[in-house]
């Protein structure tokens, strides 16, 4: 899923959400930074994935880190962030619950498919 696809989807299902594109891109960047650090980097091939963040100048066709079938993580993340800043806490709770479930599914699948880093033992 690309930056444009996520933003277009969220703007379609939540028209008039009052959040500009730059903020949505910032939220997507924050999420992918967390995914890179907390999931991908903990595996041997994790350092092969280069990610430096997204900004307003990042092309809209940039593919996000989480692949299908787990890409709904981005939709639920944006929905949760929008609900939170708008003070819609019931909607926030629903969206963040869906986000957490989707993120956990992705993390589990990633861990099954990638070899974890081997800890380096230090002897005194």
C-alpha atoms as a PDB file:
ATOM      1  CA  UNK A   1       0.000   0.000   0.000  1.00  0.00           C
ATOM      2  CA  UNK A   2       1.294   3.457  -0.836  1.00  0.00           C
ATOM      3  CA  UNK A   3       1.088   6.755   1.013  1.00  0.00           C
ATOM      4  CA  UNK A   4      -1.486   8.012  -1.495  1.00  0.00           C
ATOM      5  CA  UNK A   5      -3.624   4.872  -1.235  1.00  0.00           C
ATOM      6  CA  UNK A   6      -3.847   5.077   2.556  1.00  0.00           C
ATOM      7  CA  UNK A   7      -4.621   8.793   2.616  1.00  0.00           C
ATOM      8  CA  UNK A   8      -7.167   8.544  -0.204  1.00  0.00           C
ATOM      9  CA  UNK A   9      -8.916   5.638   1.522  1.00  0.00           C
ATOM     10  CA  UNK A  10      -9.086   7.396   4.888  1.00  0.00           C
ATOM     11  CA  UNK A  11     -10.270  10.630   3.292  1.00  0.00           C
ATOM     12  CA  UNK A  12     -12.997   8.684   1.462  1.00  0.00           C
ATOM     13  CA  UNK A  13     -14.319   6.894   4.539  1.00  0.00           C
ATOM     14  CA  UNK A  14     -13.808   9.905   6.820  1.00  0.00           C
ATOM     15  CA  UNK A  15     -14.651  12.895   4.591  1.00  0.00           C
ATOM     16  CA  UNK A  16     -14.082  16.287   6.122  1.00  0.00           C
ATOM     17  CA  UNK A  17     -11.801  14.845   8.803  1.00  0.00           C
ATOM     18  CA  UNK A  18     -10.014  18.179   9.145  1.00  0.00           C
ATOM     19  CA  UNK A  19      -6.506  16.721   9.098  1.00  0.00           C
ATOM     20  CA  UNK A  20      -4.155  17.896   6.375  1.00  0.00           C
ATOM     21  CA  UNK A  21      -2.035  15.628   4.210  1.00  0.00           C
ATOM     22  CA  UNK A  22       1.232  16.688   5.865  1.00  0.00           C
ATOM     23  CA  UNK A  23       0.031  15.524   9.282  1.00  0.00           C
ATOM     24  CA  UNK A  24      -1.180  12.198   7.882  1.00  0.00           C
ATOM     25  CA  UNK A  25       2.215  11.642   6.275  1.00  0.00           C
ATOM     26  CA  UNK A  26       3.912  12.476   9.573  1.00  0.00           C
ATOM     27  CA  UNK A  27       1.722   9.913  11.360  1.00  0.00           C
ATOM     28  CA  UNK A  28       2.536   7.272   8.705  1.00  0.00           C
ATOM     29  CA  UNK A  29       6.224   8.054   9.101  1.00  0.00           C
ATOM     30  CA  UNK A  30       6.026   7.715  12.882  1.00  0.00           C
ATOM     31  CA  UNK A  31       4.303   4.357  12.541  1.00  0.00           C
ATOM     32  CA  UNK A  32       6.821   2.983  10.042  1.00  0.00           C
ATOM     33  CA  UNK A  33       9.720   4.203  12.204  1.00  0.00           C
ATOM     34  CA  UNK A  34       8.244   2.218  15.105  1.00  0.00           C
ATOM     35  CA  UNK A  35       7.649  -0.860  12.949  1.00  0.00           C
ATOM     36  CA  UNK A  36      11.217  -0.691  11.652  1.00  0.00           C
ATOM     37  CA  UNK A  37      12.718  -0.307  15.120  1.00  0.00           C
ATOM     38  CA  UNK A  38      10.443  -2.600  17.141  1.00  0.00           C
ATOM     39  CA  UNK A  39       9.858  -5.430  14.655  1.00  0.00           C
ATOM     40  CA  UNK A  40      12.046  -5.411  11.545  1.00  0.00           C
ATOM     41  CA  UNK A  41      15.371  -4.420  13.147  1.00  0.00           C
ATOM     42  CA  UNK A  42      15.135  -7.318  15.592  1.00  0.00           C
ATOM     43  CA  UNK A  43      15.759  -9.792  12.778  1.00  0.00           C
ATOM     44  CA  UNK A  44      18.902 -10.690  10.867  1.00  0.00           C
ATOM     45  CA  UNK A  45      17.751  -9.215   7.566  1.00  0.00           C
ATOM     46  CA  UNK A  46      16.252  -6.145   9.236  1.00  0.00           C
ATOM     47  CA  UNK A  47      19.224  -3.924   8.527  1.00  0.00           C
ATOM     48  CA  UNK A  48      18.642  -4.534   4.804  1.00  0.00           C
ATOM     49  CA  UNK A  49      15.418  -2.523   5.044  1.00  0.00           C
ATOM     50  CA  UNK A  50      16.345   1.118   4.688  1.00  0.00           C
ATOM     51  CA  UNK A  51      13.904   3.620   6.132  1.00  0.00           C
ATOM     52  CA  UNK A  52      14.576   7.252   6.954  1.00  0.00           C
ATOM     53  CA  UNK A  53      11.040   8.523   7.346  1.00  0.00           C
ATOM     54  CA  UNK A  54       8.485  10.257   5.157  1.00  0.00           C
ATOM     55  CA  UNK A  55       7.897  13.943   4.642  1.00  0.00           C
ATOM     56  CA  UNK A  56       5.853  16.233   2.431  1.00  0.00           C
ATOM     57  CA  UNK A  57       8.411  15.791  -0.365  1.00  0.00           C
ATOM     58  CA  UNK A  58       8.174  11.979  -0.244  1.00  0.00           C
ATOM     59  CA  UNK A  59       6.490  10.728  -3.430  1.00  0.00           C
ATOM     60  CA  UNK A  60       2.906   9.636  -2.863  1.00  0.00           C
ATOM     61  CA  UNK A  61       3.552   6.350  -4.655  1.00  0.00           C
ATOM     62  CA  UNK A  62       6.091   5.319  -1.982  1.00  0.00           C
ATOM     63  CA  UNK A  63       5.248   1.826  -0.729  1.00  0.00           C
ATOM     64  CA  UNK A  64       4.879   1.588   3.049  1.00  0.00           C
ATOM     65  CA  UNK A  65       6.736  -1.070   5.080  1.00  0.00           C
ATOM     66  CA  UNK A  66       3.844  -3.346   6.060  1.00  0.00           C
ATOM     67  CA  UNK A  67       2.730  -5.508   3.120  1.00  0.00           C
ATOM     68  CA  UNK A  68      -0.601  -7.098   2.270  1.00  0.00           C
ATOM     69  CA  UNK A  69      -2.558  -8.624   3.866  1.00  0.00           C
ATOM     70  CA  UNK A  70      -1.666  -6.526   6.933  1.00  0.00           C
ATOM     71  CA  UNK A  71      -1.791  -3.030   5.412  1.00  0.00           C
ATOM     72  CA  UNK A  72      -5.014  -2.142   7.232  1.00  0.00           C
ATOM     73  CA  UNK A  73      -2.667  -1.288  10.099  1.00  0.00           C
ATOM     74  CA  UNK A  74      -2.125   2.086   8.380  1.00  0.00           C
ATOM     75  CA  UNK A  75      -5.823   2.811   7.969  1.00  0.00           C
ATOM     76  CA  UNK A  76      -6.614   2.023  11.598  1.00  0.00           C
ATOM     77  CA  UNK A  77      -3.592   4.040  12.768  1.00  0.00           C
ATOM     78  CA  UNK A  78      -4.713   7.152  10.892  1.00  0.00           C
ATOM     79  CA  UNK A  79      -8.316   6.680  12.027  1.00  0.00           C
ATOM     80  CA  UNK A  80      -7.146   6.429  15.639  1.00  0.00           C
ATOM     81  CA  UNK A  81      -4.944   9.522  15.411  1.00  0.00           C
ATOM     82  CA  UNK A  82      -7.738  11.567  13.830  1.00  0.00           C
ATOM     83  CA  UNK A  83     -10.289  10.433  16.407  1.00  0.00           C
ATOM     84  CA  UNK A  84      -7.915  11.237  19.248  1.00  0.00           C
ATOM     85  CA  UNK A  85      -7.168  14.798  18.167  1.00  0.00           C
ATOM     86  CA  UNK A  86     -10.893  15.378  17.545  1.00  0.00           C
ATOM     87  CA  UNK A  87     -11.771  14.154  21.043  1.00  0.00           C
ATOM     88  CA  UNK A  88     -13.804  11.233  19.694  1.00  0.00           C
ATOM     89  CA  UNK A  89     -12.636   8.760  22.295  1.00  0.00           C
ATOM     90  CA  UNK A  90     -15.106   5.945  21.571  1.00  0.00           C
ATOM     91  CA  UNK A  91     -14.022   6.001  17.919  1.00  0.00           C
ATOM     92  CA  UNK A  92     -10.388   6.227  19.041  1.00  0.00           C
ATOM     93  CA  UNK A  93     -10.794   3.141  21.242  1.00  0.00           C
ATOM     94  CA  UNK A  94     -12.344   1.182  18.371  1.00  0.00           C
ATOM     95  CA  UNK A  95      -9.691   2.242  15.859  1.00  0.00           C
ATOM     96  CA  UNK A  96      -6.736   1.651  18.183  1.00  0.00           C
ATOM     97  CA  UNK A  97      -8.097  -1.793  19.084  1.00  0.00           C
ATOM     98  CA  UNK A  98      -8.268  -2.672  15.384  1.00  0.00           C
ATOM     99  CA  UNK A  99      -4.775  -1.210  14.884  1.00  0.00           C
ATOM    100  CA  UNK A 100      -3.358  -3.261  17.768  1.00  0.00           C
ATOM    101  CA  UNK A 101      -4.879  -6.479  16.418  1.00  0.00           C
ATOM    102  CA  UNK A 102      -3.605  -5.834  12.881  1.00  0.00           C
ATOM    103  CA  UNK A 103      -0.147  -4.832  14.113  1.00  0.00           C
ATOM    104  CA  UNK A 104       0.080  -7.951  16.291  1.00  0.00           C
ATOM    105  CA  UNK A 105      -0.862 -10.123  13.301  1.00  0.00           C
ATOM    106  CA  UNK A 106       1.835  -8.499  11.188  1.00  0.00           C
ATOM    107  CA  UNK A 107       4.443  -8.820  13.948  1.00  0.00           C
ATOM    108  CA  UNK A 108       3.634 -12.514  14.444  1.00  0.00           C
ATOM    109  CA  UNK A 109       3.853 -13.224  10.724  1.00  0.00           C
ATOM    110  CA  UNK A 110       7.115 -11.290  10.406  1.00  0.00           C
ATOM    111  CA  UNK A 111       8.638 -13.220  13.301  1.00  0.00           C
ATOM    112  CA  UNK A 112       7.609 -16.542  11.743  1.00  0.00           C
ATOM    113  CA  UNK A 113       9.146 -15.637   8.382  1.00  0.00           C
ATOM    114  CA  UNK A 114      12.419 -14.001   9.505  1.00  0.00           C
ATOM    115  CA  UNK A 115      15.275 -15.251  11.636  1.00  0.00           C
ATOM    116  CA  UNK A 116      15.724 -13.273  14.850  1.00  0.00           C
ATOM    117  CA  UNK A 117      19.016 -11.630  15.677  1.00  0.00           C
ATOM    118  CA  UNK A 118      21.281 -13.847  17.744  1.00  0.00           C
ATOM    119  CA  UNK A 119      22.251 -12.080  20.945  1.00  0.00           C
ATOM    120  CA  UNK A 120      25.962 -11.574  21.399  1.00  0.00           C
ATOM    121  CA  UNK A 121      27.045 -12.919  24.738  1.00  0.00           C
ATOM    122  CA  UNK A 122      29.563 -10.944  26.702  1.00  0.00           C
ATOM    123  CA  UNK A 123      31.754 -12.605  29.234  1.00  0.00           C
ATOM    124  CA  UNK A 124      33.371 -10.665  32.011  1.00  0.00           C
END
